[in-house]
């Protein structure tokens, strides 16, 4: 059984997560950043918090991962960093003996820093990152994102871990 945990500050990571969820019939949890507010200045604050690898107040605060074989963690790249909301959730959960797949979306050309940070955080909580991927979303329609995601999924061998 798999669990998809996603933090979404925009619609594209949520859209891609829903595609994955439909394909693998995972349970899905969306992490909410309770401190995030809309607006230009608040967006700058959120980006700064991501840059500093800060944590934040989230909902849910903790997820029981006991019944899941595979955990998929997704968040957008925020200035090349993991979002504070997902960073907080990872810190609050026990990933012992769990296979974890991490993914991110980006408008830029390089989001490997986010994946490295996510892997480091999961490793620290005793999880085993078995795969990772990046979906480039810049100037892509939902149809293009659907095609790109559906093409990518078989290459990830998700079925081996469920």
N, C-alpha and C. Protein backbone atom coordinates (compact mmCIF):
# COMPACT_ATOMS: atom_id res chain seq x y z
N UNK A 1 0.85 -1.17 0.00
CA UNK A 1 0.00 0.00 0.00
C UNK A 1 0.90 1.24 0.00
N UNK A 2 0.47 2.27 -0.73
CA UNK A 2 1.30 3.47 -0.84
C UNK A 2 0.55 4.70 -0.34
N UNK A 3 1.35 5.67 0.09
CA UNK A 3 0.83 6.95 0.57
C UNK A 3 1.55 8.05 -0.17
N UNK A 4 0.78 8.95 -0.73
CA UNK A 4 1.33 10.10 -1.43
C UNK A 4 1.14 11.32 -0.52
N UNK A 5 2.24 11.96 -0.15
CA UNK A 5 2.20 13.16 0.69
C UNK A 5 2.70 14.31 -0.16
N UNK A 6 1.89 15.34 -0.27
CA UNK A 6 2.26 16.45 -1.15
C UNK A 6 2.02 17.78 -0.44
N UNK A 7 2.95 18.70 -0.67
CA UNK A 7 2.73 20.09 -0.30
C UNK A 7 2.61 20.84 -1.61
N UNK A 8 1.54 21.60 -1.74
CA UNK A 8 1.29 22.30 -3.00
C UNK A 8 1.06 23.78 -2.75
N UNK A 9 1.97 24.59 -3.27
CA UNK A 9 1.77 26.04 -3.20
C UNK A 9 1.14 26.54 -4.50
N UNK A 10 1.12 25.68 -5.49
CA UNK A 10 0.53 26.01 -6.79
C UNK A 10 -0.25 24.81 -7.29
N UNK A 11 -0.79 24.94 -8.46
CA UNK A 11 -1.67 23.89 -8.97
C UNK A 11 -0.93 22.77 -9.69
N UNK A 12 0.28 23.01 -10.14
CA UNK A 12 0.95 22.01 -10.98
C UNK A 12 1.40 20.79 -10.20
N UNK A 13 1.99 20.96 -9.04
CA UNK A 13 2.40 19.79 -8.25
C UNK A 13 1.17 19.01 -7.81
N UNK A 14 0.09 19.70 -7.51
CA UNK A 14 -1.16 19.01 -7.13
C UNK A 14 -1.70 18.22 -8.31
N UNK A 15 -1.66 18.79 -9.49
CA UNK A 15 -2.13 18.11 -10.70
C UNK A 15 -1.32 16.84 -10.95
N UNK A 16 -0.01 16.95 -10.88
CA UNK A 16 0.87 15.80 -11.10
C UNK A 16 0.65 14.75 -10.01
N UNK A 17 0.49 15.17 -8.79
CA UNK A 17 0.24 14.24 -7.69
C UNK A 17 -1.07 13.48 -7.89
N UNK A 18 -2.08 14.17 -8.40
CA UNK A 18 -3.35 13.50 -8.68
C UNK A 18 -3.21 12.46 -9.79
N UNK A 19 -2.38 12.73 -10.78
CA UNK A 19 -2.11 11.74 -11.84
C UNK A 19 -1.48 10.49 -11.23
N UNK A 20 -0.49 10.69 -10.39
CA UNK A 20 0.18 9.56 -9.72
C UNK A 20 -0.82 8.80 -8.86
N UNK A 21 -1.62 9.53 -8.12
CA UNK A 21 -2.61 8.93 -7.25
C UNK A 21 -3.61 8.08 -8.03
N UNK A 22 -4.09 8.58 -9.15
CA UNK A 22 -5.03 7.83 -9.98
C UNK A 22 -4.40 6.55 -10.51
N UNK A 23 -3.15 6.61 -10.89
CA UNK A 23 -2.46 5.46 -11.48
C UNK A 23 -2.21 4.36 -10.45
N UNK A 24 -1.86 4.73 -9.23
CA UNK A 24 -1.45 3.75 -8.23
C UNK A 24 -2.43 3.59 -7.08
N UNK A 25 -3.54 4.30 -7.12
CA UNK A 25 -4.57 4.20 -6.10
C UNK A 25 -3.98 4.33 -4.69
N UNK A 26 -3.14 5.33 -4.53
CA UNK A 26 -2.51 5.61 -3.23
C UNK A 26 -3.47 6.37 -2.33
N UNK A 27 -3.24 6.27 -1.05
CA UNK A 27 -3.86 7.23 -0.15
C UNK A 27 -3.11 8.54 -0.38
N UNK A 28 -3.78 9.66 -0.20
CA UNK A 28 -3.12 10.95 -0.45
C UNK A 28 -3.40 11.90 0.71
N UNK A 29 -2.36 12.61 1.13
CA UNK A 29 -2.48 13.63 2.18
C UNK A 29 -1.83 14.90 1.66
N UNK A 30 -2.58 15.99 1.71
CA UNK A 30 -1.99 17.28 1.35
C UNK A 30 -1.61 18.01 2.63
N UNK A 31 -0.35 18.38 2.71
CA UNK A 31 0.16 19.12 3.86
C UNK A 31 -0.14 20.60 3.64
N UNK A 32 -0.69 21.22 4.65
CA UNK A 32 -1.01 22.66 4.59
C UNK A 32 -0.05 23.44 5.47
N UNK A 33 0.49 24.52 4.92
CA UNK A 33 1.32 25.45 5.68
C UNK A 33 0.39 26.47 6.32
N UNK A 34 0.21 26.39 7.62
CA UNK A 34 -0.74 27.26 8.31
C UNK A 34 -0.24 28.70 8.43
N UNK A 35 1.04 28.93 8.17
CA UNK A 35 1.59 30.29 8.24
C UNK A 35 1.65 30.97 6.87
N UNK A 36 1.40 30.23 5.81
CA UNK A 36 1.52 30.79 4.46
C UNK A 36 0.29 31.62 4.14
N UNK A 37 0.55 32.83 3.68
CA UNK A 37 -0.52 33.73 3.27
C UNK A 37 -0.24 34.20 1.85
N UNK A 38 -1.27 34.65 1.20
CA UNK A 38 -1.13 35.11 -0.18
C UNK A 38 -0.58 36.54 -0.21
N UNK A 39 -0.04 36.91 -1.36
CA UNK A 39 0.47 38.25 -1.54
C UNK A 39 1.97 38.26 -1.78
N UNK A 40 2.43 39.31 -2.41
CA UNK A 40 3.83 39.41 -2.82
C UNK A 40 4.79 39.34 -1.63
N UNK A 41 4.56 40.15 -0.60
CA UNK A 41 5.46 40.17 0.55
C UNK A 41 5.44 38.83 1.30
N UNK A 42 4.27 38.25 1.43
CA UNK A 42 4.18 36.94 2.09
C UNK A 42 4.88 35.86 1.27
N UNK A 43 4.83 35.98 -0.05
CA UNK A 43 5.54 35.04 -0.91
C UNK A 43 7.05 35.17 -0.70
N UNK A 44 7.52 36.40 -0.56
CA UNK A 44 8.95 36.61 -0.27
C UNK A 44 9.34 35.98 1.06
N UNK A 45 8.48 36.13 2.07
CA UNK A 45 8.75 35.52 3.38
C UNK A 45 8.82 34.00 3.28
N UNK A 46 7.89 33.42 2.52
CA UNK A 46 7.88 31.96 2.35
C UNK A 46 9.13 31.49 1.63
N UNK A 47 9.53 32.23 0.60
CA UNK A 47 10.74 31.87 -0.13
C UNK A 47 11.98 31.97 0.76
N UNK A 48 12.03 33.00 1.59
CA UNK A 48 13.15 33.16 2.52
C UNK A 48 13.18 32.00 3.52
N UNK A 49 12.01 31.61 4.01
CA UNK A 49 11.93 30.49 4.95
C UNK A 49 12.43 29.20 4.31
N UNK A 50 12.09 28.99 3.04
CA UNK A 50 12.57 27.80 2.32
C UNK A 50 14.08 27.87 2.14
N UNK A 51 14.57 29.05 1.80
CA UNK A 51 16.00 29.25 1.59
C UNK A 51 16.78 28.92 2.87
N UNK A 52 16.20 29.22 4.02
CA UNK A 52 16.86 28.99 5.31
C UNK A 52 16.58 27.59 5.88
N UNK A 53 15.84 26.76 5.13
CA UNK A 53 15.46 25.42 5.59
C UNK A 53 14.68 25.46 6.90
N UNK A 54 13.84 26.46 7.03
CA UNK A 54 13.03 26.61 8.24
C UNK A 54 11.90 25.59 8.28
N UNK A 55 11.33 25.44 9.46
CA UNK A 55 10.11 24.66 9.62
C UNK A 55 8.97 25.65 9.84
N UNK A 56 7.74 25.14 9.85
CA UNK A 56 6.58 26.00 9.99
C UNK A 56 5.46 25.23 10.67
N UNK A 57 4.39 25.89 10.98
CA UNK A 57 3.22 25.23 11.55
C UNK A 57 2.42 24.60 10.41
N UNK A 58 2.11 23.30 10.54
CA UNK A 58 1.45 22.58 9.45
C UNK A 58 0.24 21.80 9.94
N UNK A 59 -0.55 21.40 8.98
CA UNK A 59 -1.66 20.48 9.21
C UNK A 59 -1.65 19.46 8.08
N UNK A 60 -1.65 18.18 8.39
CA UNK A 60 -1.52 17.58 9.70
C UNK A 60 -0.09 17.71 10.22
N UNK A 61 0.07 17.67 11.52
CA UNK A 61 1.40 17.79 12.13
C UNK A 61 2.20 16.51 12.00
N UNK A 62 1.51 15.39 11.96
CA UNK A 62 2.15 14.07 11.95
C UNK A 62 1.27 13.11 11.15
N UNK A 63 1.88 12.15 10.49
CA UNK A 63 1.14 11.12 9.77
C UNK A 63 1.68 9.76 10.22
N UNK A 64 0.78 8.85 10.56
CA UNK A 64 1.19 7.49 10.92
C UNK A 64 1.46 6.72 9.63
N UNK A 65 2.69 6.33 9.42
CA UNK A 65 3.12 5.67 8.19
C UNK A 65 3.14 4.15 8.31
N UNK A 66 2.72 3.63 9.44
CA UNK A 66 2.87 2.20 9.76
C UNK A 66 2.34 1.26 8.68
N UNK A 67 1.17 1.52 8.13
CA UNK A 67 0.54 0.56 7.21
C UNK A 67 1.00 0.69 5.76
N UNK A 68 1.94 1.58 5.49
CA UNK A 68 2.35 1.83 4.10
C UNK A 68 3.72 1.23 3.79
N UNK A 69 3.83 0.63 2.61
CA UNK A 69 5.11 0.10 2.11
C UNK A 69 5.93 1.19 1.44
N UNK A 70 5.24 2.04 0.69
CA UNK A 70 5.90 3.08 -0.10
C UNK A 70 5.30 4.43 0.24
N UNK A 71 6.18 5.39 0.48
CA UNK A 71 5.76 6.77 0.74
C UNK A 71 6.29 7.62 -0.41
N UNK A 72 5.41 8.36 -1.07
CA UNK A 72 5.82 9.30 -2.11
C UNK A 72 5.71 10.70 -1.54
N UNK A 73 6.80 11.45 -1.59
CA UNK A 73 6.84 12.81 -1.05
C UNK A 73 7.05 13.79 -2.18
N UNK A 74 6.17 14.78 -2.32
CA UNK A 74 6.31 15.75 -3.39
C UNK A 74 6.11 17.17 -2.93
N UNK A 75 6.92 18.07 -3.48
CA UNK A 75 6.74 19.49 -3.23
C UNK A 75 7.39 20.26 -4.38
N UNK A 76 6.94 21.48 -4.61
CA UNK A 76 7.59 22.29 -5.64
C UNK A 76 8.96 22.77 -5.16
N UNK A 77 9.81 23.07 -6.09
CA UNK A 77 11.10 23.68 -5.77
C UNK A 77 10.85 25.13 -5.39
N UNK A 78 11.30 25.52 -4.22
CA UNK A 78 11.14 26.90 -3.75
C UNK A 78 12.54 27.51 -3.65
N UNK A 79 12.91 28.28 -4.65
CA UNK A 79 14.26 28.84 -4.74
C UNK A 79 15.31 27.73 -4.64
N UNK A 80 14.99 26.57 -5.21
CA UNK A 80 15.91 25.44 -5.18
C UNK A 80 15.96 24.72 -3.85
N UNK A 81 14.97 24.96 -3.00
CA UNK A 81 14.94 24.35 -1.67
C UNK A 81 13.62 23.65 -1.41
N UNK A 82 13.63 22.78 -0.41
CA UNK A 82 12.42 22.09 0.03
C UNK A 82 11.50 23.08 0.73
N UNK A 83 10.21 22.91 0.58
CA UNK A 83 9.26 23.82 1.23
C UNK A 83 9.30 23.60 2.74
N UNK A 84 9.14 24.67 3.52
CA UNK A 84 9.13 24.53 4.98
C UNK A 84 8.06 23.55 5.47
N UNK A 85 6.91 23.50 4.80
CA UNK A 85 5.83 22.61 5.23
C UNK A 85 6.25 21.14 5.12
N UNK A 86 6.82 20.75 3.99
CA UNK A 86 7.24 19.36 3.84
C UNK A 86 8.45 19.06 4.71
N UNK A 87 9.33 20.03 4.86
CA UNK A 87 10.48 19.88 5.74
C UNK A 87 10.01 19.58 7.17
N UNK A 88 8.99 20.29 7.62
CA UNK A 88 8.43 20.09 8.96
C UNK A 88 7.81 18.71 9.08
N UNK A 89 7.03 18.31 8.08
CA UNK A 89 6.37 17.00 8.15
C UNK A 89 7.39 15.87 8.22
N UNK A 90 8.41 15.94 7.39
CA UNK A 90 9.44 14.90 7.41
C UNK A 90 10.07 14.82 8.80
N UNK A 91 10.35 15.97 9.39
CA UNK A 91 10.96 16.00 10.73
C UNK A 91 10.03 15.40 11.79
N UNK A 92 8.73 15.47 11.56
CA UNK A 92 7.75 14.99 12.54
C UNK A 92 7.39 13.51 12.40
N UNK A 93 7.82 12.86 11.33
CA UNK A 93 7.40 11.48 11.06
C UNK A 93 8.57 10.51 11.19
N UNK A 94 8.23 9.26 11.43
CA UNK A 94 9.21 8.19 11.51
C UNK A 94 9.16 7.38 10.22
N UNK A 95 10.22 7.43 9.44
CA UNK A 95 10.28 6.73 8.16
C UNK A 95 11.04 5.41 8.27
N UNK A 96 11.24 4.91 9.48
CA UNK A 96 11.99 3.67 9.67
C UNK A 96 11.40 2.53 8.84
N UNK A 97 12.29 1.84 8.13
CA UNK A 97 11.92 0.69 7.30
C UNK A 97 10.90 1.02 6.21
N UNK A 98 10.89 2.25 5.74
CA UNK A 98 9.97 2.65 4.68
C UNK A 98 10.76 2.97 3.41
N UNK A 99 10.23 2.48 2.29
CA UNK A 99 10.75 2.89 0.99
C UNK A 99 10.09 4.22 0.65
N UNK A 100 10.90 5.17 0.20
CA UNK A 100 10.40 6.51 -0.07
C UNK A 100 10.82 6.93 -1.47
N UNK A 101 9.89 7.51 -2.20
CA UNK A 101 10.17 8.10 -3.50
C UNK A 101 9.92 9.59 -3.36
N UNK A 102 10.86 10.40 -3.82
CA UNK A 102 10.73 11.85 -3.69
C UNK A 102 10.63 12.48 -5.07
N UNK A 103 9.86 13.56 -5.14
CA UNK A 103 9.74 14.26 -6.42
C UNK A 103 9.46 15.74 -6.20
N UNK A 104 9.76 16.48 -7.24
CA UNK A 104 9.55 17.92 -7.20
C UNK A 104 9.17 18.42 -8.58
N UNK A 105 8.59 19.60 -8.59
CA UNK A 105 8.34 20.30 -9.85
C UNK A 105 9.16 21.58 -9.83
N UNK A 106 9.49 22.04 -11.02
CA UNK A 106 10.27 23.27 -11.12
C UNK A 106 9.96 24.00 -12.41
N UNK A 107 10.04 25.31 -12.35
CA UNK A 107 9.97 26.13 -13.56
C UNK A 107 11.36 26.36 -14.12
N UNK A 108 12.38 26.07 -13.34
CA UNK A 108 13.76 26.29 -13.75
C UNK A 108 14.35 25.07 -14.42
N UNK A 109 15.66 25.08 -14.51
CA UNK A 109 16.34 23.98 -15.18
C UNK A 109 16.98 23.01 -14.21
N UNK A 110 17.07 23.39 -12.94
CA UNK A 110 17.76 22.53 -11.99
C UNK A 110 17.03 22.51 -10.66
N UNK A 111 16.58 21.33 -10.28
CA UNK A 111 15.90 21.19 -8.99
C UNK A 111 16.53 20.07 -8.17
N UNK A 112 17.74 19.69 -8.54
CA UNK A 112 18.38 18.59 -7.82
C UNK A 112 18.66 18.94 -6.36
N UNK A 113 18.83 20.23 -6.07
CA UNK A 113 19.07 20.65 -4.69
C UNK A 113 17.90 20.28 -3.78
N UNK A 114 16.68 20.41 -4.29
CA UNK A 114 15.49 20.05 -3.52
C UNK A 114 15.52 18.56 -3.21
N UNK A 115 15.82 17.76 -4.23
CA UNK A 115 15.85 16.31 -4.04
C UNK A 115 16.94 15.91 -3.05
N UNK A 116 18.09 16.58 -3.12
CA UNK A 116 19.17 16.28 -2.17
C UNK A 116 18.74 16.60 -0.74
N UNK A 117 18.06 17.74 -0.56
CA UNK A 117 17.58 18.12 0.77
C UNK A 117 16.53 17.15 1.28
N UNK A 118 15.61 16.75 0.39
CA UNK A 118 14.57 15.80 0.78
C UNK A 118 15.19 14.47 1.18
N UNK A 119 16.16 14.00 0.38
CA UNK A 119 16.82 12.73 0.67
C UNK A 119 17.54 12.79 2.02
N UNK A 120 18.24 13.89 2.25
CA UNK A 120 18.96 14.05 3.52
C UNK A 120 17.99 14.03 4.70
N UNK A 121 16.85 14.71 4.55
CA UNK A 121 15.86 14.76 5.63
C UNK A 121 15.24 13.38 5.88
N UNK A 122 14.94 12.65 4.80
CA UNK A 122 14.36 11.30 4.94
C UNK A 122 15.38 10.34 5.54
N UNK A 123 16.63 10.42 5.07
CA UNK A 123 17.70 9.57 5.63
C UNK A 123 17.84 9.79 7.13
N UNK A 124 17.76 11.05 7.54
CA UNK A 124 17.88 11.40 8.95
C UNK A 124 16.77 10.77 9.79
N UNK A 125 15.61 10.53 9.16
CA UNK A 125 14.47 9.92 9.84
C UNK A 125 14.37 8.42 9.53
N UNK A 126 15.49 7.84 9.06
CA UNK A 126 15.67 6.40 8.87
C UNK A 126 14.86 5.80 7.73
N UNK A 127 14.47 6.62 6.75
CA UNK A 127 13.80 6.10 5.57
C UNK A 127 14.82 5.74 4.50
N UNK A 128 14.38 5.00 3.49
CA UNK A 128 15.25 4.59 2.39
C UNK A 128 14.69 5.18 1.09
N UNK A 129 15.38 6.18 0.55
CA UNK A 129 14.95 6.78 -0.71
C UNK A 129 15.33 5.82 -1.84
N UNK A 130 14.31 5.31 -2.54
CA UNK A 130 14.54 4.31 -3.58
C UNK A 130 14.52 4.90 -4.98
N UNK A 131 13.96 6.11 -5.13
CA UNK A 131 13.94 6.75 -6.44
C UNK A 131 13.54 8.21 -6.26
N UNK A 132 13.81 8.99 -7.29
CA UNK A 132 13.44 10.40 -7.27
C UNK A 132 13.22 10.87 -8.70
N UNK A 133 12.45 11.94 -8.83
CA UNK A 133 12.26 12.50 -10.17
C UNK A 133 11.87 13.96 -10.09
N UNK A 134 12.10 14.63 -11.21
CA UNK A 134 11.79 16.06 -11.36
C UNK A 134 10.87 16.20 -12.56
N UNK A 135 9.81 16.97 -12.41
CA UNK A 135 8.93 17.31 -13.54
C UNK A 135 9.11 18.80 -13.80
N UNK A 136 9.55 19.13 -14.99
CA UNK A 136 9.69 20.54 -15.38
C UNK A 136 8.34 21.04 -15.87
N UNK A 137 7.87 22.11 -15.25
CA UNK A 137 6.51 22.58 -15.50
C UNK A 137 6.44 23.89 -16.26
N UNK A 138 7.58 24.52 -16.52
CA UNK A 138 7.55 25.85 -17.13
C UNK A 138 6.87 25.82 -18.50
N UNK A 139 5.91 26.71 -18.67
CA UNK A 139 5.17 26.89 -19.92
C UNK A 139 4.52 25.61 -20.43
N UNK A 140 4.19 24.68 -19.54
CA UNK A 140 3.55 23.43 -19.95
C UNK A 140 2.05 23.50 -19.65
N UNK A 141 1.28 22.99 -20.60
CA UNK A 141 -0.16 22.87 -20.38
C UNK A 141 -0.41 21.63 -19.52
N UNK A 142 -1.61 21.53 -18.99
CA UNK A 142 -1.96 20.33 -18.23
C UNK A 142 -1.85 19.09 -19.09
N UNK A 143 -2.20 19.19 -20.36
CA UNK A 143 -2.10 18.04 -21.26
C UNK A 143 -0.64 17.61 -21.41
N UNK A 144 0.27 18.56 -21.55
CA UNK A 144 1.70 18.23 -21.64
C UNK A 144 2.21 17.61 -20.34
N UNK A 145 1.77 18.14 -19.21
CA UNK A 145 2.16 17.59 -17.91
C UNK A 145 1.64 16.16 -17.76
N UNK A 146 0.41 15.93 -18.19
CA UNK A 146 -0.17 14.59 -18.15
C UNK A 146 0.67 13.61 -18.98
N UNK A 147 0.98 13.99 -20.20
CA UNK A 147 1.76 13.13 -21.10
C UNK A 147 3.14 12.85 -20.50
N UNK A 148 3.82 13.90 -20.05
CA UNK A 148 5.16 13.73 -19.48
C UNK A 148 5.15 12.84 -18.23
N UNK A 149 4.15 13.02 -17.38
CA UNK A 149 4.07 12.24 -16.15
C UNK A 149 3.75 10.78 -16.46
N UNK A 150 2.80 10.54 -17.34
CA UNK A 150 2.42 9.17 -17.70
C UNK A 150 3.58 8.44 -18.37
N UNK A 151 4.37 9.15 -19.15
CA UNK A 151 5.56 8.54 -19.78
C UNK A 151 6.61 8.18 -18.73
N UNK A 152 6.75 9.00 -17.72
CA UNK A 152 7.78 8.82 -16.71
C UNK A 152 7.47 7.69 -15.72
N UNK A 153 6.23 7.55 -15.33
CA UNK A 153 5.85 6.63 -14.25
C UNK A 153 6.34 5.19 -14.44
N UNK A 154 6.23 4.58 -15.62
CA UNK A 154 6.71 3.20 -15.75
C UNK A 154 8.21 3.04 -15.49
N UNK A 155 8.97 4.09 -15.73
CA UNK A 155 10.42 4.05 -15.53
C UNK A 155 10.80 4.03 -14.05
N UNK A 156 9.88 4.39 -13.18
CA UNK A 156 10.17 4.51 -11.75
C UNK A 156 10.01 3.21 -10.97
N UNK A 157 9.42 2.19 -11.60
CA UNK A 157 9.22 0.88 -10.95
C UNK A 157 8.45 0.98 -9.64
N UNK A 158 7.47 1.85 -9.60
CA UNK A 158 6.67 2.04 -8.39
C UNK A 158 5.99 0.73 -7.97
N UNK A 159 5.55 -0.05 -8.95
CA UNK A 159 4.86 -1.31 -8.66
C UNK A 159 5.70 -2.27 -7.81
N UNK A 160 7.01 -2.17 -7.91
CA UNK A 160 7.89 -3.05 -7.13
C UNK A 160 7.81 -2.80 -5.63
N UNK A 161 7.41 -1.60 -5.26
CA UNK A 161 7.44 -1.20 -3.85
C UNK A 161 6.07 -1.20 -3.18
N UNK A 162 5.02 -1.38 -3.96
CA UNK A 162 3.66 -1.33 -3.41
C UNK A 162 3.27 -2.69 -2.86
